[in-house]
Structure formats: structure tokens, C-alpha cells
């Protein structure tokens, strides 16, 4: 199974959910009696926020489709449709007058509830349909059972970099002095709140890397090209760490740039890191073969 084929379901999920976000932003613009062109800045902000929980489910769907494609497709489509409906409803202007609390909770924990529940129900229905039709195991599942995947620990080390970055971004405001907002001891309830927010933000921050991990590890087991794919994964994780740093501190570092430009800059480091890592891994492998 080619890498592009592995990403069809995640891209479908993000596309379906994105339609709900676009429809919600257009409706909110119309209700506020604004011109349609003014919805573009709002759309640039709403898209990454509303699609972040879908990214977590997409990472799980990539893993699940290797074991059971029917359950992954049913669950992924159900989760994407649920995200589109939920986004369309949640972007109604009167629901976001109180400091956007609903949007914040959905961004942090929407991957667990309600989207996680919808995904599980869809996957369960897909499993029932598969058993009712008596379908055989997928070729990918048989292929995985017949071959040995590369050691997982090799792919977990790169995740430490973006994971440590999101922890630093989460707890930096609690540090005394510098960027900290507390001069004295931090209240205990603030520490507990930050801890639970971290539990929600970690899956969101790591979801792009998890999708790449599952796809690249499977391809490395298929064609034996471990070093280039692992190097590409290292580059992607380093770029993702830069993106997370920009999300956390970029507005203060780049105060004169429009928010839309900052969001665009945040998308560049993981792509650039992947390309550089893939080139370096391939070049190093070729040099080693020649030597």
C-alpha cells in the first residue's frame, strides 16, 4: 500500500470536517451582516482550531485501517460528519459571546468527546456490517501479520522533541519572572488546570506526527527503506516543534505580521523538515552504499 493511499482516509476526514467549518464561518459572517470577503481571516483562524480534534481521530484511523479497513472507514467518516455538524453549530455567533469557551473546550477535548464517541459508534457499526457480510481480513492486515515492523522505540524518540515543546509552551506562563504571570507561588488549582489542559493538548500537538509515524513505519516495513523514512520522521518532528513554539510564542516574537501570515508560517517547518530529513537520509544511505 502506497503512502498516498494510506493518507486518503485522513484527507477525506479533514475535507469533510472542513466543509462544516467553511459553512459555519460563512453563516456567521452573514448573520453579522458582514461582507463575504471579510470571512477569510476568520476562516484562517477557525480551520486549524476546528480541525485539530479531527487530526487526532485521523491518526487513529490510519492505524485502524491497517487492521480493519471497514471499521476505519466507517468510524472515520462518522467522526468527520460529526465534526462538520458540530463545527457548523458551534460557530454560530451567539454561542461564542462568552470568551469562546465552547470553542476552547472543543479544541482541547473534542477528539475525546463528542468526536471520539461518534467515531467509536461508526467503527462498531462497520464491524457489525463486516461480520454480517462475512468479509475476509483485509490484505493489509494479512501483510502486517506476515512481516515484522521496525522497532517502535526508534520512532518514539523523535516525538520527545515536540512533546517537550508543548509542555514548555503550556507551563511557561507559570514560571516566575520572564514570561511568567505569577510573581510568587503558583496557586495549586492553576497547576491542576494546566495539567489537564496538557492532557488534552498533547494528542492535538502530536497528531500530525502520529499520522506520519504510522504511515512511514508501515512503508519502511514494506520496502525495507528504514533510514530515509526515519530521517524524514525526525525532520518532521523537529519542524513540528518549531511550529508549536511559534504557536506558543510566535505572536510575541513576530508582532508585526498578520495572524494569517503567522498561521501560514506555522505550516512550513514540518513540511520543510520532512523534505530535508528525507533528502539527508537518502543521501547518507547512498554515500554509505558507495563507501
C-alpha atoms as a PDB file:
ATOM      1  CA  UNK A   1       0.000   0.000   0.000  1.00  0.00           C
ATOM      2  CA  UNK A   2       1.492   3.267  -1.115  1.00  0.00           C
ATOM      3  CA  UNK A   3       1.981   6.159   1.268  1.00  0.00           C
ATOM      4  CA  UNK A   4      -0.512   8.320  -0.626  1.00  0.00           C
ATOM      5  CA  UNK A   5      -3.112   5.562  -0.297  1.00  0.00           C
ATOM      6  CA  UNK A   6      -2.540   5.454   3.470  1.00  0.00           C
ATOM      7  CA  UNK A   7      -3.404   9.148   3.710  1.00  0.00           C
ATOM      8  CA  UNK A   8      -6.625   9.048   1.677  1.00  0.00           C
ATOM      9  CA  UNK A   9      -8.838   8.462   4.687  1.00  0.00           C
ATOM     10  CA  UNK A  10      -7.258  11.231   6.849  1.00  0.00           C
ATOM     11  CA  UNK A  11      -7.518  13.690   3.959  1.00  0.00           C
ATOM     12  CA  UNK A  12     -11.151  12.690   3.400  1.00  0.00           C
ATOM     13  CA  UNK A  13     -11.895  13.209   7.089  1.00  0.00           C
ATOM     14  CA  UNK A  14     -10.247  16.632   7.131  1.00  0.00           C
ATOM     15  CA  UNK A  15     -12.024  17.618   3.917  1.00  0.00           C
ATOM     16  CA  UNK A  16     -15.491  16.652   5.143  1.00  0.00           C
ATOM     17  CA  UNK A  17     -14.943  18.337   8.504  1.00  0.00           C
ATOM     18  CA  UNK A  18     -13.526  21.399   6.742  1.00  0.00           C
ATOM     19  CA  UNK A  19     -16.748  21.825   4.776  1.00  0.00           C
ATOM     20  CA  UNK A  20     -18.615  22.230   8.056  1.00  0.00           C
ATOM     21  CA  UNK A  21     -16.108  24.833   9.228  1.00  0.00           C
ATOM     22  CA  UNK A  22     -16.388  26.791   5.972  1.00  0.00           C
ATOM     23  CA  UNK A  23     -20.200  26.682   6.128  1.00  0.00           C
ATOM     24  CA  UNK A  24     -20.151  27.800   9.772  1.00  0.00           C
ATOM     25  CA  UNK A  25     -17.851  30.749   9.093  1.00  0.00           C
ATOM     26  CA  UNK A  26     -19.895  31.853   6.062  1.00  0.00           C
ATOM     27  CA  UNK A  27     -23.119  31.659   8.092  1.00  0.00           C
ATOM     28  CA  UNK A  28     -21.555  33.607  10.977  1.00  0.00           C
ATOM     29  CA  UNK A  29     -20.413  36.286   8.533  1.00  0.00           C
ATOM     30  CA  UNK A  30     -23.902  36.531   7.040  1.00  0.00           C
ATOM     31  CA  UNK A  31     -25.573  36.746  10.466  1.00  0.00           C
ATOM     32  CA  UNK A  32     -23.233  39.571  11.456  1.00  0.00           C
ATOM     33  CA  UNK A  33     -24.114  41.400   8.200  1.00  0.00           C
ATOM     34  CA  UNK A  34     -20.503  41.436   7.007  1.00  0.00           C
ATOM     35  CA  UNK A  35     -19.128  41.072   3.503  1.00  0.00           C
ATOM     36  CA  UNK A  36     -18.167  37.581   2.425  1.00  0.00           C
ATOM     37  CA  UNK A  37     -14.570  38.662   1.812  1.00  0.00           C
ATOM     38  CA  UNK A  38     -14.175  39.503   5.497  1.00  0.00           C
ATOM     39  CA  UNK A  39     -14.781  35.867   6.404  1.00  0.00           C
ATOM     40  CA  UNK A  40     -11.367  34.824   5.067  1.00  0.00           C
ATOM     41  CA  UNK A  41      -9.406  35.942   8.176  1.00  0.00           C
ATOM     42  CA  UNK A  42     -11.953  34.204  10.404  1.00  0.00           C
ATOM     43  CA  UNK A  43     -11.703  31.087   8.270  1.00  0.00           C
ATOM     44  CA  UNK A  44      -7.894  31.090   8.550  1.00  0.00           C
ATOM     45  CA  UNK A  45      -8.244  31.082  12.346  1.00  0.00           C
ATOM     46  CA  UNK A  46     -11.180  28.680  12.615  1.00  0.00           C
ATOM     47  CA  UNK A  47      -9.847  25.962  10.302  1.00  0.00           C
ATOM     48  CA  UNK A  48      -6.809  24.866  12.360  1.00  0.00           C
ATOM     49  CA  UNK A  49      -8.765  25.147  15.612  1.00  0.00           C
ATOM     50  CA  UNK A  50     -11.798  23.158  14.481  1.00  0.00           C
ATOM     51  CA  UNK A  51      -9.801  20.567  12.522  1.00  0.00           C
ATOM     52  CA  UNK A  52      -7.336  19.815  15.323  1.00  0.00           C
ATOM     53  CA  UNK A  53      -9.586  17.229  17.051  1.00  0.00           C
ATOM     54  CA  UNK A  54     -10.204  15.573  13.678  1.00  0.00           C
ATOM     55  CA  UNK A  55      -6.442  15.221  13.258  1.00  0.00           C
ATOM     56  CA  UNK A  56      -6.268  13.072  16.394  1.00  0.00           C
ATOM     57  CA  UNK A  57      -9.011  10.780  15.065  1.00  0.00           C
ATOM     58  CA  UNK A  58      -7.288  10.680  11.674  1.00  0.00           C
ATOM     59  CA  UNK A  59      -4.113   9.398  13.315  1.00  0.00           C
ATOM     60  CA  UNK A  60      -6.082   6.609  14.941  1.00  0.00           C
ATOM     61  CA  UNK A  61      -7.884   5.861  11.672  1.00  0.00           C
ATOM     62  CA  UNK A  62      -4.549   5.388   9.867  1.00  0.00           C
ATOM     63  CA  UNK A  63      -3.594   2.766  12.444  1.00  0.00           C
ATOM     64  CA  UNK A  64      -7.021   1.125  12.437  1.00  0.00           C
ATOM     65  CA  UNK A  65      -7.267   0.779   8.656  1.00  0.00           C
ATOM     66  CA  UNK A  66      -4.213  -1.477   8.703  1.00  0.00           C
ATOM     67  CA  UNK A  67      -6.129  -3.867  10.987  1.00  0.00           C
ATOM     68  CA  UNK A  68      -9.675  -3.425   9.776  1.00  0.00           C
ATOM     69  CA  UNK A  69     -10.308  -1.111   6.850  1.00  0.00           C
ATOM     70  CA  UNK A  70     -14.117  -1.266   7.101  1.00  0.00           C
ATOM     71  CA  UNK A  71     -14.154  -0.166  10.745  1.00  0.00           C
ATOM     72  CA  UNK A  72     -11.637   2.610   9.995  1.00  0.00           C
ATOM     73  CA  UNK A  73     -13.664   3.973   7.081  1.00  0.00           C
ATOM     74  CA  UNK A  74     -16.988   3.826   8.901  1.00  0.00           C
ATOM     75  CA  UNK A  75     -15.518   5.367  12.037  1.00  0.00           C
ATOM     76  CA  UNK A  76     -13.554   7.995  10.143  1.00  0.00           C
ATOM     77  CA  UNK A  77     -16.492   9.106   8.012  1.00  0.00           C
ATOM     78  CA  UNK A  78     -18.795   9.171  11.041  1.00  0.00           C
ATOM     79  CA  UNK A  79     -16.290  11.235  13.022  1.00  0.00           C
ATOM     80  CA  UNK A  80     -15.775  13.639  10.113  1.00  0.00           C
ATOM     81  CA  UNK A  81     -19.502  14.147   9.560  1.00  0.00           C
ATOM     82  CA  UNK A  82     -19.969  14.644  13.301  1.00  0.00           C
ATOM     83  CA  UNK A  83     -17.156  17.209  13.305  1.00  0.00           C
ATOM     84  CA  UNK A  84     -18.700  19.054  10.350  1.00  0.00           C
ATOM     85  CA  UNK A  85     -22.102  19.269  12.062  1.00  0.00           C
ATOM     86  CA  UNK A  86     -20.626  20.189  15.428  1.00  0.00           C
ATOM     87  CA  UNK A  87     -18.401  22.882  13.887  1.00  0.00           C
ATOM     88  CA  UNK A  88     -21.305  24.363  11.955  1.00  0.00           C
ATOM     89  CA  UNK A  89     -23.379  24.612  15.135  1.00  0.00           C
ATOM     90  CA  UNK A  90     -20.553  25.772  17.382  1.00  0.00           C
ATOM     91  CA  UNK A  91     -19.524  28.617  15.048  1.00  0.00           C
ATOM     92  CA  UNK A  92     -22.901  30.305  15.473  1.00  0.00           C
ATOM     93  CA  UNK A  93     -22.074  33.827  16.759  1.00  0.00           C
ATOM     94  CA  UNK A  94     -24.394  33.799  19.793  1.00  0.00           C
ATOM     95  CA  UNK A  95     -22.670  30.671  21.095  1.00  0.00           C
ATOM     96  CA  UNK A  96     -19.284  32.402  21.231  1.00  0.00           C
ATOM     97  CA  UNK A  97     -20.038  35.574  23.123  1.00  0.00           C
ATOM     98  CA  UNK A  98     -18.601  34.286  26.411  1.00  0.00           C
ATOM     99  CA  UNK A  99     -14.837  34.256  25.664  1.00  0.00           C
ATOM    100  CA  UNK A 100     -15.223  31.391  23.151  1.00  0.00           C
ATOM    101  CA  UNK A 101     -15.351  28.824  25.949  1.00  0.00           C
ATOM    102  CA  UNK A 102     -17.181  26.317  23.759  1.00  0.00           C
ATOM    103  CA  UNK A 103     -14.575  26.568  21.009  1.00  0.00           C
ATOM    104  CA  UNK A 104     -11.739  26.213  23.511  1.00  0.00           C
ATOM    105  CA  UNK A 105     -13.214  23.089  25.090  1.00  0.00           C
ATOM    106  CA  UNK A 106     -13.864  21.560  21.671  1.00  0.00           C
ATOM    107  CA  UNK A 107     -10.309  22.316  20.524  1.00  0.00           C
ATOM    108  CA  UNK A 108      -8.792  20.723  23.606  1.00  0.00           C
ATOM    109  CA  UNK A 109     -11.055  17.745  24.260  1.00  0.00           C
ATOM    110  CA  UNK A 110     -13.271  17.349  21.186  1.00  0.00           C
ATOM    111  CA  UNK A 111     -11.182  14.391  19.995  1.00  0.00           C
ATOM    112  CA  UNK A 112     -12.400  12.502  23.076  1.00  0.00           C
ATOM    113  CA  UNK A 113     -15.975  13.797  23.302  1.00  0.00           C
ATOM    114  CA  UNK A 114     -18.085  14.096  21.232  1.00  0.00           C
ATOM    115  CA  UNK A 115     -15.998  13.019  18.212  1.00  0.00           C
ATOM    116  CA  UNK A 116     -14.407  10.025  19.894  1.00  0.00           C
ATOM    117  CA  UNK A 117     -17.817   8.623  20.784  1.00  0.00           C
ATOM    118  CA  UNK A 118     -19.126   9.165  17.236  1.00  0.00           C
ATOM    119  CA  UNK A 119     -16.005   7.525  15.783  1.00  0.00           C
ATOM    120  CA  UNK A 120     -16.406   4.509  18.081  1.00  0.00           C
ATOM    121  CA  UNK A 121     -20.077   4.100  17.144  1.00  0.00           C
ATOM    122  CA  UNK A 122     -19.276   4.305  13.440  1.00  0.00           C
ATOM    123  CA  UNK A 123     -16.445   1.786  13.767  1.00  0.00           C
ATOM    124  CA  UNK A 124     -18.708  -0.574  15.716  1.00  0.00           C
ATOM    125  CA  UNK A 125     -21.375  -0.372  13.012  1.00  0.00           C
ATOM    126  CA  UNK A 126     -18.715  -1.021  10.382  1.00  0.00           C
ATOM    127  CA  UNK A 127     -17.538  -4.089  12.273  1.00  0.00           C
ATOM    128  CA  UNK A 128     -21.090  -5.410  12.508  1.00  0.00           C
ATOM    129  CA  UNK A 129     -21.619  -4.852   8.779  1.00  0.00           C
ATOM    130  CA  UNK A 130     -18.357  -6.640   8.018  1.00  0.00           C
ATOM    131  CA  UNK A 131     -19.328  -9.672  10.107  1.00  0.00           C
ATOM    132  CA  UNK A 132     -22.837  -9.738   8.645  1.00  0.00           C
ATOM    133  CA  UNK A 133     -21.408  -9.815   5.120  1.00  0.00           C
ATOM    134  CA  UNK A 134     -18.730 -12.347   6.091  1.00  0.00           C
ATOM    135  CA  UNK A 135     -15.849 -10.361   4.586  1.00  0.00           C
ATOM    136  CA  UNK A 136     -12.311 -11.815   4.872  1.00  0.00           C
ATOM    137  CA  UNK A 137      -9.475  -9.948   6.639  1.00  0.00           C
ATOM    138  CA  UNK A 138      -8.008  -7.068   4.661  1.00  0.00           C
ATOM    139  CA  UNK A 139      -4.830  -7.688   2.616  1.00  0.00           C
ATOM    140  CA  UNK A 140      -3.047  -5.057   4.696  1.00  0.00           C
ATOM    141  CA  UNK A 141      -3.858  -6.919   7.926  1.00  0.00           C
ATOM    142  CA  UNK A 142      -2.570 -10.194   6.446  1.00  0.00           C
ATOM    143  CA  UNK A 143       0.521  -8.369   5.187  1.00  0.00           C
ATOM    144  CA  UNK A 144       1.222  -6.897   8.625  1.00  0.00           C
ATOM    145  CA  UNK A 145       0.844 -10.320  10.217  1.00  0.00           C
ATOM    146  CA  UNK A 146       3.346 -11.824   7.778  1.00  0.00           C
ATOM    147  CA  UNK A 147       6.087  -9.235   8.212  1.00  0.00           C
ATOM    148  CA  UNK A 148       7.877  -7.594  11.100  1.00  0.00           C
ATOM    149  CA  UNK A 149       7.554  -3.865  11.627  1.00  0.00           C
ATOM    150  CA  UNK A 150      10.650  -1.831  12.585  1.00  0.00           C
ATOM    151  CA  UNK A 151      11.176  -1.466  16.357  1.00  0.00           C
ATOM    152  CA  UNK A 152       8.743   1.051  17.757  1.00  0.00           C
ATOM    153  CA  UNK A 153      11.311   2.639  20.071  1.00  0.00           C
ATOM    154  CA  UNK A 154      13.171   4.052  17.054  1.00  0.00           C
ATOM    155  CA  UNK A 155      10.064   6.045  16.139  1.00  0.00           C
ATOM    156  CA  UNK A 156       9.202   7.200  19.656  1.00  0.00           C
ATOM    157  CA  UNK A 157      12.399   9.169  20.282  1.00  0.00           C
ATOM    158  CA  UNK A 158      11.607  11.880  17.682  1.00  0.00           C
ATOM    159  CA  UNK A 159       8.272  12.501  19.442  1.00  0.00           C
ATOM    160  CA  UNK A 160      10.150  13.669  22.548  1.00  0.00           C
ATOM    161  CA  UNK A 161      11.099  16.953  20.843  1.00  0.00           C
ATOM    162  CA  UNK A 162       7.579  18.243  20.000  1.00  0.00           C
ATOM    163  CA  UNK A 163       6.258  16.712  23.233  1.00  0.00           C
ATOM    164  CA  UNK A 164       8.770  18.671  25.312  1.00  0.00           C
ATOM    165  CA  UNK A 165       7.968  21.802  23.308  1.00  0.00           C
ATOM    166  CA  UNK A 166       4.244  21.648  24.018  1.00  0.00           C
ATOM    167  CA  UNK A 167       4.984  21.056  27.716  1.00  0.00           C
ATOM    168  CA  UNK A 168       7.187  24.154  27.745  1.00  0.00           C
ATOM    169  CA  UNK A 169       4.512  26.187  25.959  1.00  0.00           C
ATOM    170  CA  UNK A 170       1.866  25.014  28.434  1.00  0.00           C
ATOM    171  CA  UNK A 171       3.828  25.731  31.607  1.00  0.00           C
ATOM    172  CA  UNK A 172       5.912  28.756  30.543  1.00  0.00           C
ATOM    173  CA  UNK A 173       3.260  31.265  31.748  1.00  0.00           C
ATOM    174  CA  UNK A 174       3.536  29.728  35.233  1.00  0.00           C
ATOM    175  CA  UNK A 175       7.258  30.396  35.583  1.00  0.00           C
ATOM    176  CA  UNK A 176       8.199  33.269  37.936  1.00  0.00           C
ATOM    177  CA  UNK A 177       9.666  36.218  36.041  1.00  0.00           C
ATOM    178  CA  UNK A 178      10.269  36.328  32.305  1.00  0.00           C
ATOM    179  CA  UNK A 179       7.126  35.165  30.527  1.00  0.00           C
ATOM    180  CA  UNK A 180       5.547  34.072  33.801  1.00  0.00           C
ATOM    181  CA  UNK A 181       2.433  35.799  35.102  1.00  0.00           C
ATOM    182  CA  UNK A 182       2.876  34.793  38.743  1.00  0.00           C
ATOM    183  CA  UNK A 183       5.478  36.590  40.802  1.00  0.00           C
ATOM    184  CA  UNK A 184       5.018  34.409  43.860  1.00  0.00           C
ATOM    185  CA  UNK A 185       3.931  30.815  44.304  1.00  0.00           C
ATOM    186  CA  UNK A 186       1.600  29.468  41.641  1.00  0.00           C
ATOM    187  CA  UNK A 187      -1.855  28.519  43.012  1.00  0.00           C
ATOM    188  CA  UNK A 188      -2.427  24.787  43.207  1.00  0.00           C
ATOM    189  CA  UNK A 189      -5.650  24.918  41.197  1.00  0.00           C
ATOM    190  CA  UNK A 190      -3.747  26.588  38.347  1.00  0.00           C
ATOM    191  CA  UNK A 191      -1.235  23.734  38.295  1.00  0.00           C
ATOM    192  CA  UNK A 192      -4.041  21.151  38.231  1.00  0.00           C
ATOM    193  CA  UNK A 193      -5.819  23.056  35.464  1.00  0.00           C
ATOM    194  CA  UNK A 194      -2.612  23.266  33.408  1.00  0.00           C
ATOM    195  CA  UNK A 195      -2.032  19.546  33.852  1.00  0.00           C
ATOM    196  CA  UNK A 196      -5.463  18.635  32.495  1.00  0.00           C
ATOM    197  CA  UNK A 197      -5.086  21.114  29.646  1.00  0.00           C
ATOM    198  CA  UNK A 198      -1.798  19.411  28.821  1.00  0.00           C
ATOM    199  CA  UNK A 199      -3.551  16.042  28.643  1.00  0.00           C
ATOM    200  CA  UNK A 200      -5.851  17.496  26.003  1.00  0.00           C
ATOM    201  CA  UNK A 201      -3.235  19.436  24.059  1.00  0.00           C
ATOM    202  CA  UNK A 202      -0.627  16.656  23.782  1.00  0.00           C
ATOM    203  CA  UNK A 203      -2.727  14.454  21.443  1.00  0.00           C
ATOM    204  CA  UNK A 204      -3.588  17.528  19.374  1.00  0.00           C
ATOM    205  CA  UNK A 205       0.025  18.643  19.088  1.00  0.00           C
ATOM    206  CA  UNK A 206       1.358  15.192  18.250  1.00  0.00           C
ATOM    207  CA  UNK A 207      -1.431  14.065  15.907  1.00  0.00           C
ATOM    208  CA  UNK A 208       0.399  15.114  12.669  1.00  0.00           C
ATOM    209  CA  UNK A 209       3.484  13.215  13.813  1.00  0.00           C
ATOM    210  CA  UNK A 210       1.422  10.176  14.819  1.00  0.00           C
ATOM    211  CA  UNK A 211      -0.175  10.014  11.380  1.00  0.00           C
ATOM    212  CA  UNK A 212       3.267  10.207   9.767  1.00  0.00           C
ATOM    213  CA  UNK A 213       4.666   7.612  12.191  1.00  0.00           C
ATOM    214  CA  UNK A 214       2.037   5.032  11.343  1.00  0.00           C
ATOM    215  CA  UNK A 215       2.323   5.594   7.604  1.00  0.00           C
ATOM    216  CA  UNK A 216       6.133   5.788   7.412  1.00  0.00           C
ATOM    217  CA  UNK A 217       6.703   2.819   9.733  1.00  0.00           C
ATOM    218  CA  UNK A 218       4.399   0.674   7.620  1.00  0.00           C
ATOM    219  CA  UNK A 219       6.134   1.724   4.413  1.00  0.00           C
ATOM    220  CA  UNK A 220       9.560   1.055   5.944  1.00  0.00           C
ATOM    221  CA  UNK A 221       8.460  -2.477   6.793  1.00  0.00           C
ATOM    222  CA  UNK A 222       7.127  -2.906   3.258  1.00  0.00           C
ATOM    223  CA  UNK A 223      10.157  -1.806   1.233  1.00  0.00           C
ATOM    224  CA  UNK A 224      12.953  -2.045   3.827  1.00  0.00           C
ATOM    225  CA  UNK A 225      13.979   1.630   3.448  1.00  0.00           C
ATOM    226  CA  UNK A 226      14.173   2.383   7.144  1.00  0.00           C
ATOM    227  CA  UNK A 227      16.879   5.059   7.269  1.00  0.00           C
ATOM    228  CA  UNK A 228      15.372   7.573   4.791  1.00  0.00           C
ATOM    229  CA  UNK A 229      11.906   7.276   6.311  1.00  0.00           C
ATOM    230  CA  UNK A 230      13.177   7.523   9.887  1.00  0.00           C
ATOM    231  CA  UNK A 231      15.285  10.557   8.970  1.00  0.00           C
ATOM    232  CA  UNK A 232      12.230  12.153   7.339  1.00  0.00           C
ATOM    233  CA  UNK A 233      10.263  11.498  10.514  1.00  0.00           C
ATOM    234  CA  UNK A 234      12.974  13.145  12.618  1.00  0.00           C
ATOM    235  CA  UNK A 235      12.850  16.193  10.347  1.00  0.00           C
ATOM    236  CA  UNK A 236       9.068  16.360  10.541  1.00  0.00           C
ATOM    237  CA  UNK A 237       9.132  16.196  14.350  1.00  0.00           C
ATOM    238  CA  UNK A 238      11.778  18.910  14.583  1.00  0.00           C
ATOM    239  CA  UNK A 239       9.719  21.091  12.255  1.00  0.00           C
ATOM    240  CA  UNK A 240       6.599  20.369  14.296  1.00  0.00           C
ATOM    241  CA  UNK A 241       8.449  21.514  17.417  1.00  0.00           C
ATOM    242  CA  UNK A 242       9.224  24.816  15.663  1.00  0.00           C
ATOM    243  CA  UNK A 243       5.550  25.149  14.727  1.00  0.00           C
ATOM    244  CA  UNK A 244       4.451  24.534  18.322  1.00  0.00           C
ATOM    245  CA  UNK A 245       6.947  27.119  19.520  1.00  0.00           C
ATOM    246  CA  UNK A 246       5.536  29.630  17.039  1.00  0.00           C
ATOM    247  CA  UNK A 247       2.011  28.877  18.230  1.00  0.00           C
ATOM    248  CA  UNK A 248       3.104  29.439  21.818  1.00  0.00           C
ATOM    249  CA  UNK A 249       5.417  32.428  21.466  1.00  0.00           C
ATOM    250  CA  UNK A 250       5.255  33.456  17.808  1.00  0.00           C
ATOM    251  CA  UNK A 251       2.802  36.306  18.283  1.00  0.00           C
ATOM    252  CA  UNK A 252       5.212  37.999  20.693  1.00  0.00           C
ATOM    253  CA  UNK A 253       8.262  37.280  18.541  1.00  0.00           C
ATOM    254  CA  UNK A 254       6.582  38.371  15.286  1.00  0.00           C
ATOM    255  CA  UNK A 255       4.178  41.084  16.470  1.00  0.00           C
ATOM    256  CA  UNK A 256       4.023  42.995  13.192  1.00  0.00           C
ATOM    257  CA  UNK A 257       2.904  40.124  10.983  1.00  0.00           C
ATOM    258  CA  UNK A 258      -0.813  39.487  10.391  1.00  0.00           C
ATOM    259  CA  UNK A 259      -2.204  36.440  12.117  1.00  0.00           C
ATOM    260  CA  UNK A 260      -2.919  34.767   8.771  1.00  0.00           C
ATOM    261  CA  UNK A 261       0.790  35.034   7.850  1.00  0.00           C
ATOM    262  CA  UNK A 262       1.807  33.578  11.219  1.00  0.00           C
ATOM    263  CA  UNK A 263      -0.512  30.605  10.672  1.00  0.00           C
ATOM    264  CA  UNK A 264       0.970  30.099   7.210  1.00  0.00           C
ATOM    265  CA  UNK A 265       4.491  30.183   8.646  1.00  0.00           C
ATOM    266  CA  UNK A 266       3.475  27.579  11.205  1.00  0.00           C
ATOM    267  CA  UNK A 267       2.638  25.134   8.397  1.00  0.00           C
ATOM    268  CA  UNK A 268       6.054  25.430   6.722  1.00  0.00           C
ATOM    269  CA  UNK A 269       8.515  23.929   9.293  1.00  0.00           C
ATOM    270  CA  UNK A 270       7.080  20.345   9.379  1.00  0.00           C
ATOM    271  CA  UNK A 271       6.942  20.164   5.570  1.00  0.00           C
ATOM    272  CA  UNK A 272      10.423  21.601   5.197  1.00  0.00           C
ATOM    273  CA  UNK A 273      11.765  19.356   7.972  1.00  0.00           C
ATOM    274  CA  UNK A 274      10.289  16.266   6.323  1.00  0.00           C
ATOM    275  CA  UNK A 275      11.827  17.149   2.950  1.00  0.00           C
ATOM    276  CA  UNK A 276      15.270  17.894   4.427  1.00  0.00           C
ATOM    277  CA  UNK A 277      15.221  14.743   6.565  1.00  0.00           C
ATOM    278  CA  UNK A 278      14.174  12.585   3.629  1.00  0.00           C
ATOM    279  CA  UNK A 279      16.933  14.055   1.456  1.00  0.00           C
ATOM    280  CA  UNK A 280      19.548  13.638   4.191  1.00  0.00           C
ATOM    281  CA  UNK A 281      18.541  10.041   4.906  1.00  0.00           C
ATOM    282  CA  UNK A 282      18.581   9.126   1.218  1.00  0.00           C
ATOM    283  CA  UNK A 283      21.883  10.916   0.590  1.00  0.00           C
ATOM    284  CA  UNK A 284      23.527   9.304   3.622  1.00  0.00           C
ATOM    285  CA  UNK A 285      22.316   5.867   2.573  1.00  0.00           C
ATOM    286  CA  UNK A 286      23.663   6.370  -0.938  1.00  0.00           C
ATOM    287  CA  UNK A 287      27.017   7.591   0.413  1.00  0.00           C
ATOM    288  CA  UNK A 288      27.233   4.582   2.717  1.00  0.00           C
ATOM    289  CA  UNK A 289      26.491   2.209  -0.160  1.00  0.00           C
ATOM    290  CA  UNK A 290      29.212   3.796  -2.299  1.00  0.00           C
ATOM    291  CA  UNK A 291      31.715   3.618   0.565  1.00  0.00           C
END
